[in-house]
Amino acid sequence: MAERKRPAPTLRERSLASWRGYEEPADLSRYQHDMAEAVARTMKGLGFNDRFHEDQIFSAWSEVVGDFIAANARPTKLERSVLTIQVLNSSVHYEMERMKSTILAKMQDRFGKKNIREVRFRLG
């Protein structure tokens, strides 16, 4: 990278630097980075690369639970490792409550026990 120097500071810039208590460096080349690299480092530092997203559940829902369940119920949110599933009618709700342990086991096998620890059904 070529060395990039800041032009001589104006009176205003010198006054602001004095008021702030620091001066900006003349050589700015060490602050130049590729944007993708900077974003990747920031995401990694904040732990977002390893983060689990509820969108993964939504996209794999019918594959994990089957066509019948997927046609009559859908996941609405994942909050504090509790998956909330909206069910269309009370008879399907009853059947899903009976299958709760099976659905939870399938979801945990696919996404991990730390990501999904409980399943709750909501009629609506």
C-alpha atoms as a PDB file:
ATOM      1  CA  MET A   1       0.000   0.000   0.000  1.00  0.00           C
ATOM      2  CA  ALA A   2       1.169   3.441  -0.817  1.00  0.00           C
ATOM      3  CA  GLU A   3       1.716   5.818   2.011  1.00  0.00           C
ATOM      4  CA  ARG A   4      -1.168   8.221   2.294  1.00  0.00           C
ATOM      5  CA  LYS A   5      -0.488  11.470   4.051  1.00  0.00           C
ATOM      6  CA  ARG A   6      -2.961  13.947   5.335  1.00  0.00           C
ATOM      7  CA  PRO A   7      -2.562  17.512   4.072  1.00  0.00           C
ATOM      8  CA  ALA A   8      -1.302  20.092   6.532  1.00  0.00           C
ATOM      9  CA  PRO A   9      -4.015  20.758   9.136  1.00  0.00           C
ATOM     10  CA  THR A  10      -6.004  23.937   8.852  1.00  0.00           C
ATOM     11  CA  LEU A  11      -6.453  26.345  11.753  1.00  0.00           C
ATOM     12  CA  ARG A  12      -9.875  24.847  12.424  1.00  0.00           C
ATOM     13  CA  GLU A  13      -8.473  21.288  12.520  1.00  0.00           C
ATOM     14  CA  ARG A  14      -5.641  22.361  14.849  1.00  0.00           C
ATOM     15  CA  SER A  15      -8.174  24.067  17.155  1.00  0.00           C
ATOM     16  CA  LEU A  16     -10.381  20.966  17.216  1.00  0.00           C
ATOM     17  CA  ALA A  17      -7.377  18.734  17.929  1.00  0.00           C
ATOM     18  CA  SER A  18      -6.359  20.993  20.791  1.00  0.00           C
ATOM     19  CA  TRP A  19      -9.887  20.963  22.175  1.00  0.00           C
ATOM     20  CA  ARG A  20     -10.169  17.142  21.847  1.00  0.00           C
ATOM     21  CA  GLY A  21      -6.771  16.611  23.394  1.00  0.00           C
ATOM     22  CA  TYR A  22      -5.254  14.623  20.533  1.00  0.00           C
ATOM     23  CA  GLU A  23      -4.098  15.116  16.993  1.00  0.00           C
ATOM     24  CA  GLU A  24      -4.843  12.804  14.118  1.00  0.00           C
ATOM     25  CA  PRO A  25      -1.766  11.110  12.669  1.00  0.00           C
ATOM     26  CA  ALA A  26      -0.303  12.471   9.460  1.00  0.00           C
ATOM     27  CA  ASP A  27       0.230   8.981   7.980  1.00  0.00           C
ATOM     28  CA  LEU A  28      -3.154   7.310   7.480  1.00  0.00           C
ATOM     29  CA  SER A  29      -1.956   4.338   5.425  1.00  0.00           C
ATOM     30  CA  ARG A  30      -1.979   1.958   8.392  1.00  0.00           C
ATOM     31  CA  TYR A  31      -5.720   2.546   8.751  1.00  0.00           C
ATOM     32  CA  GLN A  32      -6.516   1.514   5.190  1.00  0.00           C
ATOM     33  CA  HIS A  33      -7.962  -1.977   4.963  1.00  0.00           C
ATOM     34  CA  ASP A  34     -10.077  -3.904   2.607  1.00  0.00           C
ATOM     35  CA  MET A  35     -13.716  -3.436   3.700  1.00  0.00           C
ATOM     36  CA  ALA A  36     -14.477  -7.172   3.481  1.00  0.00           C
ATOM     37  CA  GLU A  37     -11.514  -7.938   5.720  1.00  0.00           C
ATOM     38  CA  ALA A  38     -12.575  -5.324   8.266  1.00  0.00           C
ATOM     39  CA  VAL A  39     -16.153  -6.616   8.355  1.00  0.00           C
ATOM     40  CA  ALA A  40     -14.988 -10.235   8.653  1.00  0.00           C
ATOM     41  CA  ARG A  41     -12.693  -9.396  11.577  1.00  0.00           C
ATOM     42  CA  THR A  42     -15.435  -7.429  13.305  1.00  0.00           C
ATOM     43  CA  MET A  43     -17.994 -10.213  12.846  1.00  0.00           C
ATOM     44  CA  LYS A  44     -15.537 -12.779  14.178  1.00  0.00           C
ATOM     45  CA  GLY A  45     -14.620 -10.577  17.131  1.00  0.00           C
ATOM     46  CA  LEU A  46     -18.278 -10.120  18.068  1.00  0.00           C
ATOM     47  CA  GLY A  47     -18.991 -13.842  17.702  1.00  0.00           C
ATOM     48  CA  PHE A  48     -21.474 -13.505  14.852  1.00  0.00           C
ATOM     49  CA  ASN A  49     -19.802 -16.159  12.696  1.00  0.00           C
ATOM     50  CA  ASP A  50     -20.709 -18.885  15.171  1.00  0.00           C
ATOM     51  CA  ARG A  51     -24.155 -17.522  15.884  1.00  0.00           C
ATOM     52  CA  PHE A  52     -27.223 -19.630  15.224  1.00  0.00           C
ATOM     53  CA  HIS A  53     -29.961 -18.011  13.152  1.00  0.00           C
ATOM     54  CA  GLU A  54     -33.642 -18.844  13.350  1.00  0.00           C
ATOM     55  CA  ASP A  55     -33.811 -18.492   9.562  1.00  0.00           C
ATOM     56  CA  GLN A  56     -32.060 -21.847   9.376  1.00  0.00           C
ATOM     57  CA  ILE A  57     -35.031 -23.431  11.163  1.00  0.00           C
ATOM     58  CA  PHE A  58     -37.590 -21.714   8.932  1.00  0.00           C
ATOM     59  CA  SER A  59     -35.908 -22.878   5.736  1.00  0.00           C
ATOM     60  CA  ALA A  60     -35.484 -26.496   6.924  1.00  0.00           C
ATOM     61  CA  TRP A  61     -38.871 -26.829   8.657  1.00  0.00           C
ATOM     62  CA  SER A  62     -40.707 -29.010   6.115  1.00  0.00           C
ATOM     63  CA  GLU A  63     -37.637 -31.175   5.575  1.00  0.00           C
ATOM     64  CA  VAL A  64     -37.269 -31.871   9.303  1.00  0.00           C
ATOM     65  CA  VAL A  65     -40.899 -32.447  10.313  1.00  0.00           C
ATOM     66  CA  GLY A  66     -42.535 -33.698   7.119  1.00  0.00           C
ATOM     67  CA  ASP A  67     -45.140 -32.373   4.711  1.00  0.00           C
ATOM     68  CA  PHE A  68     -48.260 -32.844   6.867  1.00  0.00           C
ATOM     69  CA  ILE A  69     -46.888 -30.949   9.860  1.00  0.00           C
ATOM     70  CA  ALA A  70     -45.319 -28.288   7.634  1.00  0.00           C
ATOM     71  CA  ALA A  71     -48.690 -27.729   5.925  1.00  0.00           C
ATOM     72  CA  ASN A  72     -50.493 -27.239   9.251  1.00  0.00           C
ATOM     73  CA  ALA A  73     -47.884 -25.548  11.427  1.00  0.00           C
ATOM     74  CA  ARG A  74     -44.932 -23.219  11.064  1.00  0.00           C
ATOM     75  CA  PRO A  75     -42.214 -21.925  13.368  1.00  0.00           C
ATOM     76  CA  THR A  76     -42.710 -18.282  14.277  1.00  0.00           C
ATOM     77  CA  LYS A  77     -39.804 -17.432  16.558  1.00  0.00           C
ATOM     78  CA  LEU A  78     -36.829 -18.773  18.441  1.00  0.00           C
ATOM     79  CA  GLU A  79     -36.245 -16.951  21.691  1.00  0.00           C
ATOM     80  CA  ARG A  80     -33.874 -18.100  24.438  1.00  0.00           C
ATOM     81  CA  SER A  81     -33.631 -21.528  22.776  1.00  0.00           C
ATOM     82  CA  VAL A  82     -37.418 -21.997  22.905  1.00  0.00           C
ATOM     83  CA  LEU A  83     -38.964 -22.649  19.502  1.00  0.00           C
ATOM     84  CA  THR A  84     -42.525 -21.344  19.176  1.00  0.00           C
ATOM     85  CA  ILE A  85     -44.657 -23.045  16.549  1.00  0.00           C
ATOM     86  CA  GLN A  86     -47.957 -21.632  15.313  1.00  0.00           C
ATOM     87  CA  VAL A  87     -50.590 -24.318  14.657  1.00  0.00           C
ATOM     88  CA  LEU A  88     -53.638 -23.804  12.407  1.00  0.00           C
ATOM     89  CA  ASN A  89     -56.396 -25.561  14.359  1.00  0.00           C
ATOM     90  CA  SER A  90     -57.060 -27.299  17.654  1.00  0.00           C
ATOM     91  CA  SER A  91     -57.090 -30.873  16.328  1.00  0.00           C
ATOM     92  CA  VAL A  92     -53.633 -30.422  14.790  1.00  0.00           C
ATOM     93  CA  HIS A  93     -52.527 -28.714  18.012  1.00  0.00           C
ATOM     94  CA  TYR A  94     -53.608 -31.789  19.991  1.00  0.00           C
ATOM     95  CA  GLU A  95     -51.709 -34.141  17.678  1.00  0.00           C
ATOM     96  CA  MET A  96     -48.599 -31.977  17.774  1.00  0.00           C
ATOM     97  CA  GLU A  97     -48.660 -31.892  21.574  1.00  0.00           C
ATOM     98  CA  ARG A  98     -48.625 -35.692  21.477  1.00  0.00           C
ATOM     99  CA  MET A  99     -45.666 -35.600  19.042  1.00  0.00           C
ATOM    100  CA  LYS A 100     -43.839 -32.885  20.956  1.00  0.00           C
ATOM    101  CA  SER A 101     -40.934 -35.070  22.121  1.00  0.00           C
ATOM    102  CA  THR A 102     -40.421 -36.451  18.606  1.00  0.00           C
ATOM    103  CA  ILE A 103     -40.430 -32.984  17.035  1.00  0.00           C
ATOM    104  CA  LEU A 104     -38.048 -31.684  19.698  1.00  0.00           C
ATOM    105  CA  ALA A 105     -35.686 -34.631  19.165  1.00  0.00           C
ATOM    106  CA  LYS A 106     -35.647 -34.098  15.383  1.00  0.00           C
ATOM    107  CA  MET A 107     -34.999 -30.377  15.766  1.00  0.00           C
ATOM    108  CA  GLN A 108     -32.233 -30.981  18.313  1.00  0.00           C
ATOM    109  CA  ASP A 109     -30.611 -33.598  16.074  1.00  0.00           C
ATOM    110  CA  ARG A 110     -30.572 -31.115  13.221  1.00  0.00           C
ATOM    111  CA  PHE A 111     -29.706 -27.882  15.056  1.00  0.00           C
ATOM    112  CA  GLY A 112     -28.173 -28.942  18.375  1.00  0.00           C
ATOM    113  CA  LYS A 113     -29.456 -29.199  21.922  1.00  0.00           C
ATOM    114  CA  LYS A 114     -27.958 -25.883  22.970  1.00  0.00           C
ATOM    115  CA  ASN A 115     -29.827 -24.070  20.180  1.00  0.00           C
ATOM    116  CA  ILE A 116     -33.251 -25.646  20.790  1.00  0.00           C
ATOM    117  CA  ARG A 117     -34.070 -26.833  24.287  1.00  0.00           C
ATOM    118  CA  GLU A 118     -37.857 -26.625  24.196  1.00  0.00           C
ATOM    119  CA  VAL A 119     -40.761 -26.521  21.745  1.00  0.00           C
ATOM    120  CA  ARG A 120     -44.006 -24.660  22.437  1.00  0.00           C
ATOM    121  CA  PHE A 121     -47.151 -24.632  20.361  1.00  0.00           C
ATOM    122  CA  ARG A 122     -49.457 -21.696  19.867  1.00  0.00           C
ATOM    123  CA  LEU A 123     -52.893 -21.968  18.347  1.00  0.00           C
ATOM    124  CA  GLY A 124     -53.626 -19.358  15.745  1.00  0.00           C
END
